């Protein structure tokens, strides 16, 4: 995912949404409680004090850890 996509979906989305939620968590909330742990892990990321590149890495780490995906 490009850093511009990370910005749009993780930072700008918080400004655009009525409840200040990024697009990832807004999408996950549509699945009910099935992804509560992933939702919580994404909520723990503070995007305002790291670079977009580091934010992209943290998002990837959270997703890989949750879904048991190993980087090659």
Protein backbone atom coordinates (compact mmCIF):
# COMPACT_ATOMS: atom_id res chain seq x y z
CA UNK A 1 0.00 0.00 0.00
CA UNK A 2 1.39 3.40 -0.87
CA UNK A 3 2.00 5.96 1.87
CA UNK A 4 -0.56 8.23 0.21
CA UNK A 5 -3.16 5.45 0.60
CA UNK A 6 -2.12 5.02 4.23
CA UNK A 7 -2.63 8.73 4.78
CA UNK A 8 -6.02 8.76 3.05
CA UNK A 9 -7.45 5.64 4.73
CA UNK A 10 -5.86 5.89 8.18
CA UNK A 11 -5.40 9.59 8.89
CA UNK A 12 -7.66 11.61 6.59
CA UNK A 13 -10.54 9.18 7.15
CA UNK A 14 -10.61 10.15 10.82
CA UNK A 15 -11.33 13.72 9.75
CA UNK A 16 -13.92 12.65 7.18
CA UNK A 17 -15.93 10.30 9.40
CA UNK A 18 -18.51 11.44 11.93
CA UNK A 19 -17.08 9.19 14.64
CA UNK A 20 -13.37 9.88 13.88
CA UNK A 21 -12.65 6.30 12.84
CA UNK A 22 -10.23 5.33 10.10
CA UNK A 23 -11.45 3.40 7.06
CA UNK A 24 -9.89 0.13 8.24
CA UNK A 25 -11.81 0.10 11.52
CA UNK A 26 -14.98 1.39 9.85
CA UNK A 27 -14.82 -1.55 7.46
CA UNK A 28 -14.08 -4.05 10.25
CA UNK A 29 -17.01 -2.79 12.32
CA UNK A 30 -19.32 -4.08 9.58
CA UNK A 31 -18.39 -7.64 10.58
CA UNK A 32 -19.65 -7.28 14.15
CA UNK A 33 -17.57 -8.70 16.96
CA UNK A 34 -15.67 -11.16 14.76
CA UNK A 35 -12.65 -8.85 14.45
CA UNK A 36 -12.73 -7.05 17.81
CA UNK A 37 -9.12 -7.94 18.59
CA UNK A 38 -7.89 -6.63 15.24
CA UNK A 39 -10.01 -3.49 15.70
CA UNK A 40 -8.38 -2.96 19.12
CA UNK A 41 -4.89 -3.51 17.74
CA UNK A 42 -5.48 -0.95 14.98
CA UNK A 43 -6.95 1.46 17.54
CA UNK A 44 -3.71 1.29 19.53
CA UNK A 45 -1.71 2.79 16.67
CA UNK A 46 -1.21 6.55 17.08
CA UNK A 47 -0.54 7.86 13.57
CA UNK A 48 0.28 11.41 14.57
CA UNK A 49 3.81 11.00 15.94
CA UNK A 50 5.37 8.67 13.37
CA UNK A 51 6.18 8.95 9.69
CA UNK A 52 3.82 7.57 7.05
CA UNK A 53 6.40 4.92 6.21
CA UNK A 54 6.54 3.79 9.84
CA UNK A 55 2.75 3.88 10.04
CA UNK A 56 2.55 1.62 6.98
CA UNK A 57 5.01 -0.77 8.66
CA UNK A 58 3.01 -0.84 11.89
CA UNK A 59 -0.21 -1.52 10.00
CA UNK A 60 1.49 -4.37 8.12
CA UNK A 61 2.87 -5.80 11.37
CA UNK A 62 -0.54 -5.72 13.05
CA UNK A 63 -2.24 -7.38 10.08
CA UNK A 64 0.48 -9.99 9.60
CA UNK A 65 0.46 -10.85 13.28
CA UNK A 66 -3.32 -11.10 13.46
CA UNK A 67 -3.65 -13.28 10.37
CA UNK A 68 -0.46 -15.29 11.00
CA UNK A 69 1.26 -14.15 7.83
CA UNK A 70 5.05 -14.29 7.65
CA UNK A 71 6.93 -11.76 5.53
CA UNK A 72 9.22 -13.17 2.90
